[in-house]
Protein backbone atom coordinates (compact mmCIF):
# COMPACT_ATOMS: atom_id res chain seq x y z
CA MET A 1 -26.28 -5.22 10.34
CA ALA A 2 -27.79 -1.67 11.10
CA ALA A 3 -27.91 0.84 8.51
CA GLU A 4 -25.59 3.85 9.04
CA SER A 5 -28.25 6.17 10.11
CA GLN A 6 -28.98 3.60 12.98
CA ILE A 7 -25.45 3.47 14.01
CA PRO A 8 -25.14 5.14 17.61
CA ILE A 9 -22.64 8.33 17.08
CA ALA A 10 -19.79 8.07 19.28
CA SER A 11 -18.65 11.06 21.26
CA GLN A 12 -16.26 13.45 19.44
CA GLY A 13 -13.81 12.71 22.06
CA ALA A 14 -13.77 9.17 21.09
CA SER A 15 -13.79 9.89 17.50
CA ARG A 16 -10.79 12.21 17.91
CA ARG A 17 -8.97 9.84 19.94
CA PHE A 18 -9.68 6.96 17.56
CA ALA A 19 -8.35 9.31 14.50
CA VAL A 20 -5.21 10.61 16.29
CA ARG A 21 -3.96 7.11 17.25
CA LEU A 22 -4.65 5.66 13.87
CA ALA A 23 -2.89 8.60 12.17
CA LEU A 24 0.15 7.90 14.33
CA PHE A 25 0.06 4.39 13.47
CA TYR A 26 -0.26 5.04 9.86
CA GLY A 27 2.71 7.40 10.12
CA ALA A 28 4.99 4.92 11.90
CA SER A 29 3.93 2.08 9.48
CA PHE A 30 4.49 4.12 6.41
CA GLY A 31 7.90 5.47 8.05
CA THR A 32 9.10 1.98 7.86
CA LEU A 33 7.92 1.60 4.22
CA GLY A 34 9.47 4.92 3.55
CA THR A 35 12.71 3.95 4.67
CA HIS A 36 12.51 0.46 3.12
CA LEU A 37 11.07 1.26 -0.32
CA PRO A 38 13.59 3.56 -1.89
CA PHE A 39 16.60 2.16 -0.34
CA PHE A 40 16.45 -1.61 0.49
CA THR A 41 17.29 -2.43 -2.88
CA VAL A 42 20.35 -0.19 -2.74
CA TRP A 43 21.20 -2.19 0.66
CA LEU A 44 20.70 -5.43 -1.27
CA LYS A 45 23.02 -4.19 -3.86
CA ALA A 46 25.76 -2.86 -1.35
CA VAL A 47 25.77 -6.41 0.37
CA GLY A 48 26.61 -8.02 -3.05
CA ILE A 49 23.10 -9.18 -4.31
CA ASP A 50 22.88 -9.17 -8.05
CA ALA A 51 20.17 -7.54 -10.37
CA LEU A 52 18.27 -10.84 -10.90
CA TRP A 53 18.26 -11.74 -7.15
CA ILE A 54 17.25 -8.14 -6.21
CA GLY A 55 14.29 -8.48 -8.46
CA ILE A 56 13.20 -12.03 -7.03
CA ILE A 57 13.73 -10.63 -3.42
CA SER A 58 11.80 -7.49 -4.27
CA ALA A 59 9.04 -9.98 -5.18
CA VAL A 60 8.79 -11.70 -1.95
CA PRO A 61 6.30 -9.24 -0.25
CA ALA A 62 3.97 -9.58 -3.15
CA VAL A 63 4.20 -13.38 -2.87
CA THR A 64 3.37 -13.44 0.69
CA ARG A 65 0.22 -11.10 -0.05
CA PHE A 66 -1.24 -14.17 -1.85
CA THR A 67 -0.01 -16.87 0.53
CA THR A 68 0.25 -16.05 4.13
CA LEU A 69 -1.39 -12.73 4.19
CA PRO A 70 -5.10 -13.90 3.34
CA VAL A 71 -4.51 -16.33 6.25
CA VAL A 72 -3.71 -13.60 8.60
CA THR A 73 -6.35 -11.14 7.80
CA GLY A 74 -8.96 -13.99 7.74
CA SER A 75 -8.05 -15.22 11.15
CA ALA A 76 -7.96 -11.78 12.58
CA GLU A 77 -11.42 -11.09 11.30
CA LYS A 78 -12.62 -14.53 12.49
CA ARG A 79 -11.59 -13.64 15.86
CA TYR A 80 -12.51 -9.94 15.72
CA SER A 81 -9.03 -9.16 16.76
CA LEU A 82 -7.56 -6.57 14.27
CA ARG A 83 -5.96 -4.42 16.91
CA GLY A 84 -4.20 -7.56 18.59
CA ALA A 85 -3.08 -8.80 15.04
CA LEU A 86 -1.67 -5.45 14.22
CA ILE A 87 0.14 -5.45 17.58
CA ALA A 88 1.63 -8.87 17.05
CA THR A 89 2.51 -8.28 13.40
CA ALA A 90 4.15 -4.85 14.07
CA PHE A 91 6.45 -6.38 16.80
CA LEU A 92 7.23 -9.54 14.75
CA THR A 93 8.39 -7.20 11.82
CA THR A 94 10.59 -5.42 13.88
CA LEU A 95 12.34 -8.64 14.96
CA GLY A 96 12.35 -9.88 11.36
CA PHE A 97 14.06 -6.96 9.94
CA SER A 98 16.69 -7.14 12.83
CA ILE A 99 17.43 -10.65 11.74
CA VAL A 100 17.72 -9.50 8.03
CA GLY A 101 20.26 -6.97 8.89
CA THR A 102 22.56 -9.58 10.13
CA GLN A 103 22.52 -11.51 6.88
CA HIS A 104 24.80 -10.76 3.88
CA ARG A 105 24.73 -14.01 1.70
CA THR A 106 21.92 -14.18 -0.90
CA ALA A 107 20.05 -17.33 0.20
CA ALA A 108 20.26 -16.05 3.97
CA VAL A 109 18.88 -12.69 2.99
CA PHE A 110 16.13 -14.23 0.84
CA LEU A 111 14.91 -16.54 3.73
CA ALA A 112 15.13 -13.99 6.43
CA TYR A 113 13.33 -11.44 4.34
CA ALA A 114 10.56 -14.01 3.20
CA ALA A 115 9.99 -14.92 6.82
CA THR A 116 9.64 -11.24 7.79
CA CYS A 117 7.23 -10.30 5.01
CA CYS A 118 5.01 -13.02 6.34
CA VAL A 119 4.18 -10.86 9.26
CA TRP A 120 4.91 -7.60 7.50
CA THR A 121 2.69 -7.51 4.57
CA PRO A 122 -0.38 -7.99 6.58
CA VAL A 123 0.15 -4.84 8.65
CA LEU A 124 -1.20 -2.30 6.03
CA PRO A 125 -4.35 -4.31 4.78
CA LEU A 126 -5.05 -4.95 8.53
CA THR A 127 -4.60 -1.17 9.12
CA ASP A 128 -6.87 -0.27 6.23
CA ALA A 129 -9.42 -2.73 7.35
CA TYR A 130 -9.37 -1.22 10.81
CA ALA A 131 -9.33 2.42 9.41
CA LEU A 132 -12.24 1.66 7.20
CA ARG A 133 -14.27 0.18 10.28
CA GLY A 134 -13.39 3.27 12.15
CA VAL A 135 -14.69 5.51 9.31
CA ALA A 136 -17.87 3.73 9.27
CA ARG A 137 -18.26 3.87 13.02
CA TYR A 138 -17.24 7.48 13.90
CA GLY A 139 -18.15 9.10 10.33
CA LEU A 140 -14.74 10.10 9.49
CA ASN A 141 -12.96 10.44 6.05
CA TYR A 142 -10.39 7.92 4.89
CA GLY A 143 -8.20 10.30 3.06
CA PRO A 144 -7.31 12.65 5.85
CA LEU A 145 -6.33 9.70 8.13
CA ARG A 146 -4.25 7.99 5.38
CA LEU A 147 -2.28 11.05 4.40
CA TRP A 148 -0.22 10.93 7.67
CA GLY A 149 1.21 7.58 6.48
CA SER A 150 2.28 9.27 3.21
CA ALA A 151 3.71 12.24 5.31
CA ALA A 152 5.83 9.87 7.34
CA PHE A 153 6.71 8.06 4.06
CA VAL A 154 8.36 11.43 3.12
CA ALA A 155 10.19 11.81 6.39
CA GLY A 156 11.57 8.43 6.12
CA ALA A 157 12.61 8.63 2.46
CA LEU A 158 14.34 11.98 3.32
CA ALA A 159 16.07 10.53 6.27
CA CYS A 160 17.58 7.76 4.42
CA GLY A 161 18.41 10.07 1.55
CA LEU A 162 20.51 12.23 3.85
CA LEU A 163 21.96 9.20 5.58
CA VAL A 164 22.92 7.44 2.27
CA ASP A 165 25.53 10.12 1.68
CA ILE A 166 26.74 9.99 5.18
CA ILE A 167 26.83 6.22 6.19
CA ALA A 168 27.73 3.12 4.38
CA ALA A 169 24.74 1.80 2.31
CA ARG A 170 25.53 -1.65 4.05
CA GLN A 171 23.97 0.13 7.37
CA LEU A 172 20.65 1.47 5.79
CA ILE A 173 18.87 -1.68 7.29
CA TRP A 174 19.29 -0.46 10.78
CA VAL A 175 17.51 2.82 10.06
CA ILE A 176 14.33 0.43 8.75
CA VAL A 177 14.75 -1.41 11.91
CA ALA A 178 14.60 1.74 14.08
CA VAL A 179 11.48 2.92 12.52
CA ALA A 180 9.88 -0.59 12.93
CA VAL A 181 10.45 -0.45 16.62
CA LEU A 182 8.52 2.88 16.59
CA SER A 183 5.71 1.33 14.62
CA ALA A 184 5.46 -1.57 17.04
CA THR A 185 5.40 0.76 20.11
CA ILE A 186 2.68 2.82 18.73
CA SER A 187 0.45 -0.04 17.87
CA LEU A 188 0.20 -0.72 21.61
CA THR A 189 -1.86 2.65 21.90
CA LEU A 190 -4.63 1.62 19.15
CA GLU A 191 -8.23 2.00 20.26
CA PRO A 192 -10.37 -1.25 20.52
CA LEU A 193 -13.28 -1.33 18.10
CA ASP A 194 -16.40 -3.09 19.28
CA ARG A 195 -17.00 -6.93 18.62
CA ALA A 196 -19.13 -7.71 15.72
CA ASN A 197 -22.15 -9.73 15.98
CA ALA A 198 -20.90 -13.34 15.56
CA ARG A 199 -23.88 -14.00 13.02
CA THR A 200 -22.30 -11.40 10.41
CA THR A 201 -18.78 -13.22 10.46
CA ALA A 202 -20.00 -16.28 8.84
CA VAL A 203 -17.69 -17.86 6.36
CA HIS A 204 -20.16 -17.83 3.48
CA GLY A 205 -20.25 -14.15 3.53
CA ALA A 206 -16.40 -14.05 3.00
CA LYS A 207 -16.94 -16.56 0.03
CA ALA A 208 -19.56 -14.53 -1.69
CA LEU A 209 -16.97 -11.75 -1.87
CA LEU A 210 -15.16 -13.88 -4.51
CA ARG A 211 -18.39 -14.68 -6.59
CA ASP A 212 -19.21 -10.86 -6.68
CA LYS A 213 -17.94 -9.51 -10.23
CA GLY A 214 -17.92 -6.06 -8.96
CA PHE A 215 -15.73 -6.84 -6.02
CA LEU A 216 -13.45 -8.93 -8.49
CA ALA A 217 -13.43 -6.02 -10.69
CA ILE A 218 -12.32 -3.54 -7.78
CA ILE A 219 -9.31 -5.91 -6.70
CA LEU A 220 -8.21 -6.60 -10.08
CA THR A 221 -8.12 -3.23 -11.37
CA SER A 222 -6.32 -1.96 -8.20
CA ALA A 223 -3.77 -4.88 -8.57
CA LEU A 224 -3.04 -3.92 -12.13
CA VAL A 225 -2.63 -0.12 -11.56
CA GLN A 226 -0.50 -0.38 -8.44
CA GLY A 227 1.23 -3.20 -9.50
CA SER A 228 2.38 -1.09 -12.62
CA HIS A 229 4.52 0.75 -10.09
CA ALA A 230 6.85 -2.50 -9.78
CA ALA A 231 9.27 -1.47 -12.08
CA TYR A 232 9.58 2.09 -10.47
CA TYR A 233 9.54 0.79 -6.84
CA THR A 234 12.22 -1.73 -7.62
CA PHE A 235 14.76 -0.08 -10.01
CA ALA A 236 14.10 3.82 -9.95
CA SER A 237 16.53 4.36 -7.16
CA ILE A 238 19.26 2.09 -8.67
CA ASN A 239 18.82 3.63 -12.21
CA TRP A 240 18.90 7.21 -10.81
CA GLN A 241 21.79 6.45 -8.68
CA ALA A 242 23.58 4.85 -11.99
CA SER A 243 22.73 8.22 -13.67
CA GLY A 244 24.66 10.01 -11.24
CA LEU A 245 22.01 11.41 -8.93
CA GLY A 246 22.98 11.56 -5.20
CA GLY A 247 20.98 10.14 -2.24
CA LEU A 248 19.48 13.27 -1.25
CA THR A 249 18.26 14.15 -5.05
CA ILE A 250 16.91 10.34 -5.16
CA ALA A 251 15.04 10.99 -1.90
CA GLY A 252 13.83 14.38 -3.28
CA LEU A 253 12.27 12.65 -6.29
CA TRP A 254 10.43 10.07 -4.10
CA THR A 255 9.19 12.99 -1.93
CA LEU A 256 7.70 14.98 -4.75
CA GLY A 257 5.69 11.97 -5.67
CA VAL A 258 4.46 11.39 -2.13
CA LEU A 259 3.60 15.04 -1.71
CA ALA A 260 1.43 14.80 -4.65
CA GLU A 261 -0.03 11.89 -2.98
CA ILE A 262 -0.58 13.77 0.29
CA VAL A 263 -2.39 16.59 -1.38
CA VAL A 264 -4.88 14.10 -3.13
CA PHE A 265 -5.55 12.45 0.27
CA ALA A 266 -6.02 15.80 1.92
CA LEU A 267 -8.59 17.00 -0.74
CA SER A 268 -10.30 13.60 -1.21
CA PRO A 269 -13.35 14.38 1.10
CA ARG A 270 -14.17 17.12 -1.71
CA PHE A 271 -14.20 14.72 -4.63
CA THR A 272 -17.62 14.44 -6.23
CA LEU A 273 -16.88 11.96 -9.20
CA ALA A 274 -17.89 8.31 -8.65
CA PRO A 275 -15.04 6.30 -7.03
CA ALA A 276 -15.06 4.03 -10.22
CA LEU A 277 -14.16 7.15 -12.35
CA LEU A 278 -11.39 8.12 -9.89
CA VAL A 279 -9.63 4.73 -10.42
CA VAL A 280 -9.91 5.15 -14.09
CA ILE A 281 -8.36 8.53 -14.06
CA GLY A 282 -5.54 7.18 -11.88
CA ALA A 283 -5.09 4.11 -14.30
CA VAL A 284 -4.97 6.49 -17.51
CA SER A 285 -2.20 8.84 -15.58
CA ALA A 286 -0.26 5.79 -14.98
CA VAL A 287 -0.30 4.97 -18.61
CA ALA A 288 1.09 8.31 -19.34
CA ARG A 289 3.82 8.39 -16.49
CA TRP A 290 5.22 5.16 -17.62
CA LEU A 291 5.17 6.25 -21.20
CA ILE A 292 7.30 9.24 -20.38
CA SER A 293 9.74 7.25 -17.76
CA ALA A 294 10.59 4.85 -20.56
CA GLN A 295 12.21 7.82 -22.46
CA GLU A 296 14.90 8.32 -19.82
CA PRO A 297 13.70 12.02 -19.06
CA SER A 298 15.90 14.59 -17.76
CA LEU A 299 15.82 15.61 -14.20
CA ALA A 300 13.65 18.47 -14.74
CA VAL A 301 11.15 16.42 -16.77
CA LEU A 302 11.55 13.47 -14.17
CA SER A 303 10.73 16.09 -11.34
CA VAL A 304 7.45 17.10 -12.99
CA VAL A 305 6.45 13.34 -13.74
CA GLN A 306 6.87 12.32 -10.23
CA LEU A 307 3.96 14.43 -9.39
CA ALA A 308 1.86 12.22 -11.23
CA HIS A 309 2.04 9.72 -8.20
CA GLY A 310 -0.63 11.75 -6.66
CA LEU A 311 -2.98 10.49 -9.42
CA THR A 312 -1.34 6.95 -10.16
CA PHE A 313 -1.21 5.90 -6.47
CA GLY A 314 -3.09 8.30 -4.56
CA LEU A 315 -6.04 8.78 -6.58
CA THR A 316 -6.46 4.93 -7.16
CA GLN A 317 -6.08 4.29 -3.53
CA VAL A 318 -8.79 6.82 -2.67
CA GLY A 319 -11.18 5.28 -5.38
CA THR A 320 -10.48 2.07 -4.25
CA MET A 321 -11.03 2.42 -0.61
CA ASN A 322 -14.36 4.21 -1.42
CA LEU A 323 -15.24 1.32 -3.58
CA LEU A 324 -14.49 -1.38 -0.80
CA LEU A 325 -16.44 1.10 1.76
CA ARG A 326 -19.31 1.11 -0.54
CA HIS A 327 -19.39 -2.28 -1.83
CA VAL A 328 -18.02 -4.67 0.97
CA PRO A 329 -20.26 -5.24 4.19
CA THR A 330 -18.25 -3.74 7.26
CA HIS A 331 -17.87 -7.34 9.00
CA LEU A 332 -16.26 -8.52 5.89
CA MET A 333 -13.75 -5.60 5.36
CA ALA A 334 -10.54 -7.64 6.85
CA ARG A 335 -11.44 -10.40 4.30
CA GLY A 336 -12.08 -8.05 1.62
CA GLN A 337 -8.60 -6.19 2.32
CA GLY A 338 -6.89 -9.60 2.35
CA TYR A 339 -8.26 -10.59 -0.98
CA LEU A 340 -7.24 -7.09 -2.39
CA ALA A 341 -3.77 -7.72 -1.02
CA ALA A 342 -3.75 -11.38 -2.39
CA CYS A 343 -4.72 -10.23 -5.98
CA ALA A 344 -2.14 -7.37 -5.76
CA GLY A 345 0.54 -9.82 -4.74
CA ILE A 346 -0.09 -12.20 -7.42
CA VAL A 347 0.12 -9.35 -9.90
CA SER A 348 3.01 -7.30 -8.37
CA GLY A 349 4.89 -10.27 -7.74
CA SER A 350 5.02 -11.34 -11.02
CA ALA A 351 5.56 -7.82 -12.39
CA SER A 352 8.69 -7.38 -10.06
CA ILE A 353 10.26 -10.69 -11.30
CA ALA A 354 9.56 -9.86 -14.76
CA SER A 355 11.04 -6.34 -14.03
CA GLY A 356 14.22 -7.84 -12.91
CA VAL A 357 14.51 -9.97 -16.31
CA VAL A 358 13.45 -6.90 -18.51
CA TYR A 359 15.48 -4.19 -16.74
CA GLY A 360 18.70 -6.32 -17.02
CA ARG A 361 18.27 -6.53 -20.79
CA TYR A 362 16.49 -3.34 -21.83
CA GLY A 363 16.94 -0.88 -18.93
CA GLN A 364 14.13 1.93 -18.83
CA GLY A 365 12.20 -0.41 -21.48
CA VAL A 366 10.88 -2.14 -18.65
CA TYR A 367 8.24 0.68 -18.09
CA TYR A 368 6.35 -0.32 -21.51
CA VAL A 369 5.28 -3.48 -19.44
CA MET A 370 4.01 -1.28 -16.84
CA VAL A 371 2.19 0.75 -19.56
CA ALA A 372 0.35 -2.39 -20.56
CA MET A 373 -0.63 -3.20 -16.98
CA ALA A 374 -2.31 0.26 -16.11
CA LEU A 375 -4.09 0.16 -19.62
CA ALA A 376 -5.76 -3.19 -18.59
CA GLY A 377 -6.61 -1.80 -15.21
CA ALA A 378 -8.27 1.30 -16.68
CA ILE A 379 -10.29 -0.89 -19.26
CA VAL A 380 -11.66 -3.27 -16.56
CA MET A 381 -12.68 -0.55 -14.20
CA TRP A 382 -14.47 1.28 -17.18
CA LEU A 383 -16.28 -1.83 -18.13
CA ALA A 384 -17.47 -2.30 -14.48
CA ARG A 385 -18.39 1.14 -13.43
CA HIS A 386 -22.03 0.66 -13.87
CA ARG A 387 -22.32 -2.52 -11.95
CA LEU A 388 -20.38 -0.81 -9.12
CA ALA A 389 -22.79 2.04 -8.96
CA GLU A 390 -25.89 -0.12 -8.94
CA HIS A 391 -24.97 -2.85 -6.49
CA PRO A 392 -23.63 -1.40 -3.19
CA ALA A 393 -23.44 -3.16 0.01
CA PRO A 394 -26.54 -2.82 2.17
CA ASP A 395 -24.96 -1.73 5.20
CA GLN A 396 -22.55 0.86 3.81
CA PRO A 397 -22.59 4.53 3.67
CA GLN A 398 -23.22 5.85 0.14
CA SER A 399 -21.76 9.27 0.68
CA ALA A 400 -18.42 9.97 -0.70
CA ALA A 401 -17.68 12.08 2.48
CA SER A 402 -18.10 9.28 4.76
CA GLY A 403 -15.66 7.25 2.87
CA GLY A 404 -12.90 9.67 2.20
C-alpha cells in the first residue's frame, strides 16, 4: 500500500461529506447506547429479572464480542463491505430490540437479547474501522468525529432520565427501539470507501496481527481498562436508584462523565504525548476512580468522580485508536477492531458475570475488582510502550494529528 504522502488527497467537499455522515451515524449509534446502557438494567429489573440474571444478561454483549463479532468483522473486511455490513447490522439490531421488548420471562429475554447482540455488538467496531480508514484517506482526526457519538449518548441518557420518572420502567425498551430505528435509517447515507487491493487482504496478514506482541499489548490493555468499567455499567444506576436518587439525577451523573469524555475527544488533536502514555494515564485514572467509588461517596464527591470518565474511558479510547492507526495496516483495520472487541468481550464478559456475584454479596466492594483490572492494564501498556514506539505499521501516518 502506498505511504500516506502518496495517497491522493480527496477534495474538501468529499472529506466534509464523509465526516458529516459518519458523525451523524456515530451520533445515532451512540444514541442507542445512551438509552440502553444506563437504563436497560433498570428495565430488566422492572420486568422481574433478579440481580444474578441481570449480571448474566449484561454479559451477553461481551460474550458475542469474542464469538460472533470477529466473524462479522472478518467477513466484512474480506469482502470489503464495511458500509454494507453497517447497514445490515443496524437494521437487524432494530428488529432484535423490538423482539426483546415483547419478552418478559427470564429465558425468553436472555435468548432474544443474545440474538440481538450478535448483530448489535459488531456495529461500533465496524464503525471505528470505517472511521479509521476514512481518517487515513481524508486526513481527518478521529477524536472530533467520535465526540458526536458521546454527545448523542448524553442526549439519549438525558431523554431516558426524564422518561423514567414519567413512564413505567417497563416501557423504557421502546425508547431504545426508537433510537435504533434512527441509527438504521442514517446508515443508508454512509459514503462508500474505495475497494482495497485484493492482494492486501490476504488471510496471512490478519493472522500476523495475532503474532504481534505490540498489537496484543494494545488489545489486552484496552480490554482490561475498558473492562474495568463493567461494575459501573451494570450496577451504577441500580445502586444509585437504591440510594434514593431519581432518574434525572442518575442521567445527570452519566452525563457528567460523558461530557468530560467529549472534551477529551475534542481536544485530542492537540495531544502531544505518545498514545501509549495516554493509555497509561487513562488506566491509572481508572484505578483512582474505582477506589473512590468503592467508598460509597456522597453525591457531591460522586459528581466530581464522574468527570474522571473523560480519562478512564475517553483518553484510553483516544490512545488505543491512535495506537491501532499507527500499528495496524489500514487494510487489516476491520480485523484489528474485531480482535480488539473479541479480547474486550472475554475480559468484560467475565467481569460482568463476576460483578453480579460480587455485588450481590459485597455491594460497592465490587469496585475493588475493577481496581485490579485497571492496574493490570496500566502495567501491560507501560511495559510495551517502547515496542509500540519502535515498530509502527509501514503504511500508517505517524503524526498524532492524523490519527486524532
